[in-house]
Amino acid sequence: MKEKSKYGMPPPDSRAAFEHNVFLLVDELEQHAGDEAFLANRAWALGDSFEHARYLPNRRIEITNIDERMRNLANMMDWMKYLPPIQFEKNHNND
C-alpha cells in the first residue's frame, strides 16, 4: 500500500513506476478499443498526447515526450487503485 500523502496523489517514486502507470493507461485504451464513448472521453482528456509519445528502441517510453495531460491521467489511474471503494447511500422515499 502506498504511503498517504497530505498533498493528494503522490508522484511515482521511480522511472519504472512511472512507465508502469503509462502502460496502465495504454492497456486501458486497448481493452476498451470497441467502446466509442469511452475512447471519445479519453481523446477529450488526452488531446494529442499520444501523437507525441514515442518508444525508445528498447521499448521503454521516451519520457521527454510525455506531456502533463498524459502524466496526470496515468498517475491518477494507478492512484485510484488505492482509494476506498465508492459507497452509494440508498435513497429513502418518505411517501
N, C-alpha and C. Protein backbone atom coordinates (compact mmCIF):
# COMPACT_ATOMS: atom_id res chain seq x y z
N MET A 1 0.84 -1.18 0.00
CA MET A 1 0.00 0.00 0.00
C MET A 1 0.89 1.24 0.00
N LYS A 2 0.49 2.20 -0.80
CA LYS A 2 1.27 3.43 -0.87
C LYS A 2 1.07 4.27 0.37
N GLU A 3 2.11 4.99 0.72
CA GLU A 3 2.03 5.88 1.87
C GLU A 3 1.13 7.07 1.53
N LYS A 4 0.25 7.41 2.45
CA LYS A 4 -0.69 8.50 2.22
C LYS A 4 0.06 9.83 2.22
N SER A 5 -0.27 10.66 1.24
CA SER A 5 0.35 11.98 1.14
C SER A 5 -0.67 13.03 1.55
N LYS A 6 -0.25 14.01 2.30
CA LYS A 6 -1.17 15.06 2.70
C LYS A 6 -1.49 15.99 1.54
N TYR A 7 -0.78 15.83 0.44
CA TYR A 7 -0.99 16.68 -0.73
C TYR A 7 -1.80 16.00 -1.82
N GLY A 8 -2.40 14.86 -1.55
CA GLY A 8 -3.21 14.18 -2.56
C GLY A 8 -2.41 13.10 -3.26
N MET A 9 -2.50 13.06 -4.57
CA MET A 9 -1.90 12.00 -5.36
C MET A 9 -0.38 12.05 -5.28
N PRO A 10 0.25 11.00 -4.74
CA PRO A 10 1.72 11.01 -4.67
C PRO A 10 2.34 10.72 -6.04
N PRO A 11 3.46 11.34 -6.36
CA PRO A 11 4.11 11.05 -7.63
C PRO A 11 4.77 9.67 -7.59
N PRO A 12 5.00 9.06 -8.75
CA PRO A 12 5.71 7.78 -8.76
C PRO A 12 7.12 7.96 -8.19
N ASP A 13 7.62 6.91 -7.55
CA ASP A 13 8.92 7.03 -6.89
C ASP A 13 10.10 6.62 -7.77
N SER A 14 9.82 6.16 -8.99
CA SER A 14 10.91 5.78 -9.90
C SER A 14 10.42 5.85 -11.34
N ARG A 15 11.37 5.79 -12.26
CA ARG A 15 11.02 5.77 -13.68
C ARG A 15 10.21 4.52 -13.99
N ALA A 16 10.56 3.41 -13.40
CA ALA A 16 9.83 2.16 -13.65
C ALA A 16 8.37 2.29 -13.20
N ALA A 17 8.14 2.92 -12.07
CA ALA A 17 6.77 3.12 -11.59
C ALA A 17 6.00 4.04 -12.53
N PHE A 18 6.67 5.07 -13.04
CA PHE A 18 6.01 5.98 -13.98
C PHE A 18 5.67 5.25 -15.27
N GLU A 19 6.61 4.46 -15.79
CA GLU A 19 6.35 3.70 -17.01
C GLU A 19 5.20 2.72 -16.79
N HIS A 20 5.15 2.10 -15.62
CA HIS A 20 4.05 1.20 -15.28
C HIS A 20 2.72 1.94 -15.37
N ASN A 21 2.67 3.16 -14.83
CA ASN A 21 1.44 3.95 -14.86
C ASN A 21 1.02 4.27 -16.30
N VAL A 22 1.98 4.62 -17.14
CA VAL A 22 1.66 4.93 -18.53
C VAL A 22 1.18 3.67 -19.24
N PHE A 23 1.80 2.52 -18.96
CA PHE A 23 1.35 1.29 -19.58
C PHE A 23 -0.04 0.89 -19.10
N LEU A 24 -0.42 1.26 -17.86
CA LEU A 24 -1.79 1.05 -17.40
C LEU A 24 -2.76 1.82 -18.29
N LEU A 25 -2.41 3.03 -18.63
CA LEU A 25 -3.24 3.86 -19.49
C LEU A 25 -3.36 3.25 -20.89
N VAL A 26 -2.24 2.84 -21.45
CA VAL A 26 -2.26 2.22 -22.78
C VAL A 26 -3.08 0.93 -22.75
N ASP A 27 -2.91 0.12 -21.72
CA ASP A 27 -3.66 -1.12 -21.59
C ASP A 27 -5.17 -0.85 -21.50
N GLU A 28 -5.54 0.17 -20.74
CA GLU A 28 -6.96 0.51 -20.62
C GLU A 28 -7.54 0.89 -21.98
N LEU A 29 -6.80 1.64 -22.76
CA LEU A 29 -7.27 2.03 -24.09
C LEU A 29 -7.42 0.81 -24.99
N GLU A 30 -6.49 -0.13 -24.90
CA GLU A 30 -6.59 -1.35 -25.70
C GLU A 30 -7.78 -2.19 -25.29
N GLN A 31 -8.08 -2.26 -23.99
CA GLN A 31 -9.21 -3.05 -23.51
C GLN A 31 -10.55 -2.48 -23.96
N HIS A 32 -10.62 -1.17 -24.12
CA HIS A 32 -11.87 -0.51 -24.49
C HIS A 32 -11.86 -0.07 -25.96
N ALA A 33 -11.13 -0.78 -26.79
CA ALA A 33 -10.97 -0.37 -28.19
C ALA A 33 -12.30 -0.29 -28.93
N GLY A 34 -13.29 -1.10 -28.56
CA GLY A 34 -14.58 -1.08 -29.25
C GLY A 34 -15.60 -0.12 -28.66
N ASP A 35 -15.29 0.51 -27.58
CA ASP A 35 -16.23 1.39 -26.88
C ASP A 35 -15.99 2.84 -27.33
N GLU A 36 -16.81 3.29 -28.28
CA GLU A 36 -16.60 4.62 -28.85
C GLU A 36 -16.78 5.74 -27.83
N ALA A 37 -17.73 5.60 -26.91
CA ALA A 37 -17.95 6.64 -25.90
C ALA A 37 -16.74 6.75 -24.97
N PHE A 38 -16.19 5.62 -24.58
CA PHE A 38 -15.00 5.63 -23.71
C PHE A 38 -13.82 6.28 -24.43
N LEU A 39 -13.60 5.88 -25.68
CA LEU A 39 -12.47 6.43 -26.43
C LEU A 39 -12.65 7.93 -26.69
N ALA A 40 -13.89 8.36 -26.91
CA ALA A 40 -14.14 9.78 -27.10
C ALA A 40 -13.81 10.56 -25.82
N ASN A 41 -14.14 9.97 -24.67
CA ASN A 41 -13.81 10.62 -23.40
C ASN A 41 -12.31 10.72 -23.21
N ARG A 42 -11.59 9.64 -23.50
CA ARG A 42 -10.14 9.67 -23.34
C ARG A 42 -9.49 10.59 -24.37
N ALA A 43 -10.04 10.64 -25.58
CA ALA A 43 -9.50 11.56 -26.59
C ALA A 43 -9.68 13.00 -26.13
N TRP A 44 -10.80 13.28 -25.47
CA TRP A 44 -11.02 14.62 -24.94
C TRP A 44 -10.01 14.91 -23.83
N ALA A 45 -9.78 13.92 -22.95
CA ALA A 45 -8.89 14.12 -21.81
C ALA A 45 -7.43 14.21 -22.24
N LEU A 46 -7.05 13.45 -23.24
CA LEU A 46 -5.64 13.39 -23.63
C LEU A 46 -5.28 14.32 -24.78
N GLY A 47 -6.26 14.73 -25.56
CA GLY A 47 -5.94 15.59 -26.70
C GLY A 47 -4.98 14.87 -27.65
N ASP A 48 -3.93 15.54 -28.03
CA ASP A 48 -2.96 14.95 -28.96
C ASP A 48 -1.74 14.37 -28.25
N SER A 49 -1.88 14.01 -26.99
CA SER A 49 -0.74 13.49 -26.21
C SER A 49 -0.14 12.25 -26.82
N PHE A 50 -0.98 11.35 -27.34
CA PHE A 50 -0.45 10.10 -27.89
C PHE A 50 0.30 10.32 -29.19
N GLU A 51 0.01 11.41 -29.88
CA GLU A 51 0.75 11.69 -31.12
C GLU A 51 2.22 12.00 -30.82
N HIS A 52 2.50 12.53 -29.64
CA HIS A 52 3.87 12.91 -29.28
C HIS A 52 4.62 11.80 -28.54
N ALA A 53 3.89 10.82 -28.01
CA ALA A 53 4.54 9.75 -27.24
C ALA A 53 5.34 8.84 -28.17
N ARG A 54 6.52 8.47 -27.74
CA ARG A 54 7.40 7.62 -28.55
C ARG A 54 8.05 6.56 -27.65
N TYR A 55 8.37 5.44 -28.29
CA TYR A 55 9.14 4.39 -27.62
C TYR A 55 10.60 4.51 -28.02
N LEU A 56 11.46 4.16 -27.11
CA LEU A 56 12.88 4.03 -27.42
C LEU A 56 13.10 2.67 -28.08
N PRO A 57 14.25 2.42 -28.70
CA PRO A 57 14.49 1.13 -29.34
C PRO A 57 14.35 -0.08 -28.40
N ASN A 58 14.59 0.12 -27.11
CA ASN A 58 14.46 -1.00 -26.17
C ASN A 58 13.04 -1.09 -25.59
N ARG A 59 12.06 -0.43 -26.24
CA ARG A 59 10.63 -0.45 -25.88
C ARG A 59 10.33 0.28 -24.57
N ARG A 60 11.24 1.07 -24.08
CA ARG A 60 10.93 1.94 -22.95
C ARG A 60 10.32 3.22 -23.50
N ILE A 61 9.61 3.93 -22.68
CA ILE A 61 8.94 5.14 -23.11
C ILE A 61 9.92 6.31 -23.06
N GLU A 62 9.89 7.13 -24.09
CA GLU A 62 10.71 8.33 -24.08
C GLU A 62 9.99 9.38 -23.24
N ILE A 63 10.46 9.57 -22.03
CA ILE A 63 9.76 10.37 -21.04
C ILE A 63 9.66 11.84 -21.45
N THR A 64 10.61 12.35 -22.18
CA THR A 64 10.58 13.76 -22.55
C THR A 64 9.40 14.11 -23.44
N ASN A 65 8.80 13.11 -24.09
CA ASN A 65 7.67 13.36 -24.99
C ASN A 65 6.32 13.24 -24.30
N ILE A 66 6.28 12.87 -23.03
CA ILE A 66 5.01 12.73 -22.32
C ILE A 66 4.65 14.07 -21.71
N ASP A 67 3.47 14.56 -22.06
CA ASP A 67 3.06 15.87 -21.56
C ASP A 67 2.26 15.74 -20.26
N GLU A 68 1.84 16.88 -19.72
CA GLU A 68 1.16 16.91 -18.43
C GLU A 68 -0.15 16.13 -18.42
N ARG A 69 -0.90 16.21 -19.51
CA ARG A 69 -2.19 15.52 -19.54
C ARG A 69 -2.00 14.01 -19.41
N MET A 70 -1.08 13.46 -20.18
CA MET A 70 -0.85 12.02 -20.12
C MET A 70 -0.25 11.62 -18.77
N ARG A 71 0.66 12.43 -18.26
CA ARG A 71 1.27 12.13 -16.96
C ARG A 71 0.23 12.11 -15.85
N ASN A 72 -0.62 13.13 -15.82
CA ASN A 72 -1.63 13.19 -14.77
C ASN A 72 -2.64 12.04 -14.86
N LEU A 73 -3.10 11.73 -16.06
CA LEU A 73 -4.08 10.66 -16.22
C LEU A 73 -3.46 9.31 -15.87
N ALA A 74 -2.23 9.07 -16.28
CA ALA A 74 -1.58 7.79 -15.99
C ALA A 74 -1.34 7.63 -14.49
N ASN A 75 -0.85 8.67 -13.84
CA ASN A 75 -0.61 8.58 -12.40
C ASN A 75 -1.92 8.46 -11.62
N MET A 76 -2.96 9.11 -12.11
CA MET A 76 -4.26 9.03 -11.45
C MET A 76 -4.82 7.61 -11.52
N MET A 77 -4.61 6.94 -12.66
CA MET A 77 -5.11 5.56 -12.79
C MET A 77 -4.47 4.64 -11.76
N ASP A 78 -3.18 4.81 -11.52
CA ASP A 78 -2.51 4.00 -10.51
C ASP A 78 -3.01 4.38 -9.11
N TRP A 79 -3.16 5.66 -8.86
CA TRP A 79 -3.58 6.15 -7.55
C TRP A 79 -4.99 5.67 -7.20
N MET A 80 -5.86 5.59 -8.19
CA MET A 80 -7.25 5.20 -7.95
C MET A 80 -7.36 3.77 -7.41
N LYS A 81 -6.36 2.93 -7.69
CA LYS A 81 -6.38 1.56 -7.17
C LYS A 81 -6.35 1.53 -5.65
N TYR A 82 -5.78 2.57 -5.04
CA TYR A 82 -5.59 2.58 -3.59
C TYR A 82 -6.68 3.36 -2.84
N LEU A 83 -7.60 3.96 -3.58
CA LEU A 83 -8.68 4.69 -2.93
C LEU A 83 -9.74 3.71 -2.42
N PRO A 84 -10.45 4.07 -1.36
CA PRO A 84 -11.52 3.18 -0.89
C PRO A 84 -12.65 3.14 -1.91
N PRO A 85 -13.40 2.05 -1.96
CA PRO A 85 -14.49 1.96 -2.94
C PRO A 85 -15.57 3.01 -2.66
N ILE A 86 -16.22 3.40 -3.72
CA ILE A 86 -17.29 4.38 -3.59
C ILE A 86 -18.52 3.69 -3.03
N GLN A 87 -19.11 4.30 -2.02
CA GLN A 87 -20.32 3.75 -1.42
C GLN A 87 -21.46 4.72 -1.66
N PHE A 88 -22.52 4.19 -2.24
CA PHE A 88 -23.69 5.00 -2.52
C PHE A 88 -24.71 4.79 -1.41
N GLU A 89 -25.30 5.89 -0.99
CA GLU A 89 -26.34 5.80 0.02
C GLU A 89 -27.67 5.47 -0.65
N LYS A 90 -28.44 4.65 0.01
CA LYS A 90 -29.76 4.33 -0.52
C LYS A 90 -30.69 5.51 -0.34
N ASN A 91 -31.49 5.78 -1.35
CA ASN A 91 -32.45 6.86 -1.29
C ASN A 91 -33.72 6.36 -0.64
N HIS A 92 -34.12 6.92 0.47
CA HIS A 92 -35.33 6.51 1.16
C HIS A 92 -36.44 7.49 0.82
N ASN A 93 -37.53 6.96 0.29
CA ASN A 93 -38.69 7.81 -0.03
C ASN A 93 -39.57 7.97 1.22
N ASN A 94 -39.93 9.16 1.50
CA ASN A 94 -40.78 9.45 2.66
C ASN A 94 -42.22 9.67 2.20
N ASP A 95 -42.75 8.75 1.41
CA ASP A 95 -44.13 8.90 0.89
C ASP A 95 -45.15 8.52 1.92
